[in-house]
Amino acid sequence: MDGTAIIIILAIAGVASVLLFALKGLLDQVPDVIDSAGRARDSWQRFRQPVQLPRADEEEPPMAA
């Protein structure tokens, strides 16, 4: 019975350590995902509202030297 209890405790500790390792890996990726989402949002806003260049007839004539 003593051996069984030790094996059960070691199994629980092993599963807990694997879960913590996986959770840490997932949480390490969160900042990169947030940065990517921000860049995608900025690109989408630039796509929806492109910068309009002034027309040729609205430009001021060059100054004489």
N, C-alpha and C. Protein backbone atom coordinates (compact mmCIF):
# COMPACT_ATOMS: atom_id res chain seq x y z
N MET A 1 0.82 -1.19 0.00
CA MET A 1 0.00 0.00 0.00
C MET A 1 0.87 1.25 0.00
N ASP A 2 2.02 1.23 0.67
CA ASP A 2 2.90 2.40 0.71
C ASP A 2 3.41 2.76 -0.68
N GLY A 3 3.75 1.78 -1.47
CA GLY A 3 4.26 2.03 -2.82
C GLY A 3 3.21 2.65 -3.71
N THR A 4 1.96 2.22 -3.55
CA THR A 4 0.88 2.75 -4.37
C THR A 4 0.64 4.22 -4.07
N ALA A 5 0.68 4.59 -2.81
CA ALA A 5 0.47 6.00 -2.43
C ALA A 5 1.56 6.88 -3.00
N ILE A 6 2.79 6.41 -2.96
CA ILE A 6 3.91 7.20 -3.49
C ILE A 6 3.76 7.38 -5.00
N ILE A 7 3.38 6.32 -5.69
CA ILE A 7 3.21 6.40 -7.14
C ILE A 7 2.06 7.35 -7.49
N ILE A 8 0.99 7.32 -6.74
CA ILE A 8 -0.14 8.23 -6.99
C ILE A 8 0.29 9.68 -6.77
N ILE A 9 1.02 9.94 -5.70
CA ILE A 9 1.50 11.30 -5.43
C ILE A 9 2.43 11.77 -6.54
N LEU A 10 3.34 10.91 -6.98
CA LEU A 10 4.24 11.28 -8.07
C LEU A 10 3.48 11.51 -9.38
N ALA A 11 2.45 10.72 -9.64
CA ALA A 11 1.65 10.90 -10.86
C ALA A 11 0.91 12.23 -10.83
N ILE A 12 0.33 12.57 -9.69
CA ILE A 12 -0.38 13.85 -9.56
C ILE A 12 0.59 15.02 -9.73
N ALA A 13 1.77 14.91 -9.13
CA ALA A 13 2.76 15.98 -9.26
C ALA A 13 3.24 16.10 -10.71
N GLY A 14 3.39 14.99 -11.39
CA GLY A 14 3.81 15.02 -12.79
C GLY A 14 2.77 15.68 -13.68
N VAL A 15 1.51 15.31 -13.48
CA VAL A 15 0.43 15.91 -14.28
C VAL A 15 0.35 17.41 -13.99
N ALA A 16 0.48 17.80 -12.74
CA ALA A 16 0.43 19.22 -12.38
C ALA A 16 1.58 19.99 -13.03
N SER A 17 2.77 19.41 -13.04
CA SER A 17 3.91 20.11 -13.63
C SER A 17 3.74 20.24 -15.15
N VAL A 18 3.21 19.23 -15.80
CA VAL A 18 2.97 19.31 -17.25
C VAL A 18 1.92 20.38 -17.54
N LEU A 19 0.85 20.44 -16.75
CA LEU A 19 -0.18 21.46 -16.96
C LEU A 19 0.38 22.86 -16.74
N LEU A 20 1.20 23.05 -15.71
CA LEU A 20 1.80 24.35 -15.47
C LEU A 20 2.74 24.76 -16.60
N PHE A 21 3.51 23.80 -17.11
CA PHE A 21 4.42 24.08 -18.22
C PHE A 21 3.63 24.49 -19.46
N ALA A 22 2.54 23.79 -19.75
CA ALA A 22 1.71 24.14 -20.90
C ALA A 22 1.05 25.50 -20.72
N LEU A 23 0.59 25.79 -19.53
CA LEU A 23 -0.03 27.09 -19.24
C LEU A 23 0.98 28.22 -19.38
N LYS A 24 2.20 28.00 -18.92
CA LYS A 24 3.24 29.02 -19.06
C LYS A 24 3.53 29.28 -20.54
N GLY A 25 3.62 28.24 -21.33
CA GLY A 25 3.85 28.41 -22.76
C GLY A 25 2.74 29.19 -23.43
N LEU A 26 1.51 28.92 -23.04
CA LEU A 26 0.36 29.64 -23.59
C LEU A 26 0.40 31.12 -23.19
N LEU A 27 0.68 31.39 -21.93
CA LEU A 27 0.70 32.77 -21.45
C LEU A 27 1.87 33.55 -22.02
N ASP A 28 2.97 32.88 -22.37
CA ASP A 28 4.10 33.56 -22.99
C ASP A 28 3.75 34.07 -24.39
N GLN A 29 2.77 33.47 -25.03
CA GLN A 29 2.38 33.87 -26.38
C GLN A 29 1.38 35.02 -26.40
N VAL A 30 0.76 35.32 -25.28
CA VAL A 30 -0.30 36.34 -25.24
C VAL A 30 0.20 37.72 -25.67
N PRO A 31 1.36 38.22 -25.19
CA PRO A 31 1.79 39.55 -25.64
C PRO A 31 2.00 39.64 -27.15
N ASP A 32 2.55 38.58 -27.76
CA ASP A 32 2.74 38.59 -29.21
C ASP A 32 1.41 38.62 -29.95
N VAL A 33 0.43 37.92 -29.44
CA VAL A 33 -0.90 37.91 -30.07
C VAL A 33 -1.53 39.30 -29.97
N ILE A 34 -1.37 39.96 -28.83
CA ILE A 34 -1.94 41.30 -28.66
C ILE A 34 -1.25 42.29 -29.60
N ASP A 35 0.08 42.20 -29.73
CA ASP A 35 0.80 43.08 -30.66
C ASP A 35 0.35 42.85 -32.09
N SER A 36 0.19 41.59 -32.48
CA SER A 36 -0.25 41.27 -33.83
C SER A 36 -1.66 41.80 -34.08
N ALA A 37 -2.52 41.70 -33.10
CA ALA A 37 -3.89 42.20 -33.26
C ALA A 37 -3.87 43.72 -33.43
N GLY A 38 -3.02 44.41 -32.70
CA GLY A 38 -2.91 45.86 -32.84
C GLY A 38 -2.40 46.26 -34.21
N ARG A 39 -1.40 45.53 -34.72
CA ARG A 39 -0.89 45.84 -36.06
C ARG A 39 -1.94 45.55 -37.12
N ALA A 40 -2.68 44.48 -36.95
CA ALA A 40 -3.75 44.15 -37.91
C ALA A 40 -4.83 45.23 -37.89
N ARG A 41 -5.19 45.71 -36.70
CA ARG A 41 -6.21 46.77 -36.59
C ARG A 41 -5.73 48.05 -37.26
N ASP A 42 -4.46 48.42 -37.05
CA ASP A 42 -3.92 49.62 -37.68
C ASP A 42 -3.90 49.49 -39.20
N SER A 43 -3.52 48.34 -39.70
CA SER A 43 -3.51 48.11 -41.14
C SER A 43 -4.91 48.19 -41.71
N TRP A 44 -5.88 47.64 -41.00
CA TRP A 44 -7.27 47.68 -41.47
C TRP A 44 -7.77 49.12 -41.52
N GLN A 45 -7.43 49.91 -40.51
CA GLN A 45 -7.87 51.31 -40.51
C GLN A 45 -7.22 52.09 -41.64
N ARG A 46 -5.94 51.83 -41.93
CA ARG A 46 -5.29 52.50 -43.07
C ARG A 46 -5.91 52.06 -44.38
N PHE A 47 -6.32 50.81 -44.47
CA PHE A 47 -6.97 50.30 -45.69
C PHE A 47 -8.33 50.95 -45.88
N ARG A 48 -9.08 51.11 -44.80
CA ARG A 48 -10.43 51.68 -44.89
C ARG A 48 -10.40 53.18 -45.16
N GLN A 49 -9.35 53.88 -44.71
CA GLN A 49 -9.25 55.32 -44.90
C GLN A 49 -7.89 55.64 -45.50
N PRO A 50 -7.72 55.42 -46.80
CA PRO A 50 -6.41 55.68 -47.41
C PRO A 50 -6.09 57.17 -47.39
N VAL A 51 -4.82 57.47 -47.38
CA VAL A 51 -4.36 58.86 -47.40
C VAL A 51 -4.62 59.41 -48.79
N GLN A 52 -5.32 60.53 -48.86
CA GLN A 52 -5.62 61.14 -50.14
C GLN A 52 -4.57 62.19 -50.45
N LEU A 53 -3.92 62.03 -51.60
CA LEU A 53 -2.91 62.98 -52.02
C LEU A 53 -3.59 64.18 -52.66
N PRO A 54 -3.00 65.37 -52.53
CA PRO A 54 -3.63 66.54 -53.16
C PRO A 54 -3.60 66.42 -54.68
N ARG A 55 -4.66 66.91 -55.31
CA ARG A 55 -4.72 66.85 -56.77
C ARG A 55 -3.73 67.85 -57.35
N ALA A 56 -3.36 67.63 -58.61
CA ALA A 56 -2.35 68.47 -59.26
C ALA A 56 -2.84 69.90 -59.38
N ASP A 57 -4.13 70.14 -59.60
CA ASP A 57 -4.62 71.51 -59.76
C ASP A 57 -4.75 72.23 -58.43
N GLU A 58 -4.67 71.55 -57.32
CA GLU A 58 -4.75 72.17 -56.00
C GLU A 58 -3.39 72.52 -55.43
N GLU A 59 -2.33 72.06 -56.07
CA GLU A 59 -1.00 72.33 -55.57
C GLU A 59 -0.60 73.77 -55.87
N GLU A 60 0.21 74.35 -55.02
CA GLU A 60 0.69 75.71 -55.26
C GLU A 60 1.78 75.66 -56.33
N PRO A 61 1.83 76.70 -57.15
CA PRO A 61 2.88 76.71 -58.17
C PRO A 61 4.26 76.88 -57.53
N PRO A 62 5.31 76.41 -58.18
CA PRO A 62 6.64 76.56 -57.60
C PRO A 62 7.01 78.04 -57.54
N MET A 63 7.76 78.39 -56.52
CA MET A 63 8.17 79.78 -56.36
C MET A 63 9.32 80.11 -57.31
N ALA A 64 9.28 81.31 -57.84
CA ALA A 64 10.35 81.75 -58.75
C ALA A 64 11.61 82.08 -57.95
N ALA A 65 12.73 81.73 -58.52
CA ALA A 65 13.98 81.98 -57.81
C ALA A 65 14.52 83.35 -58.05
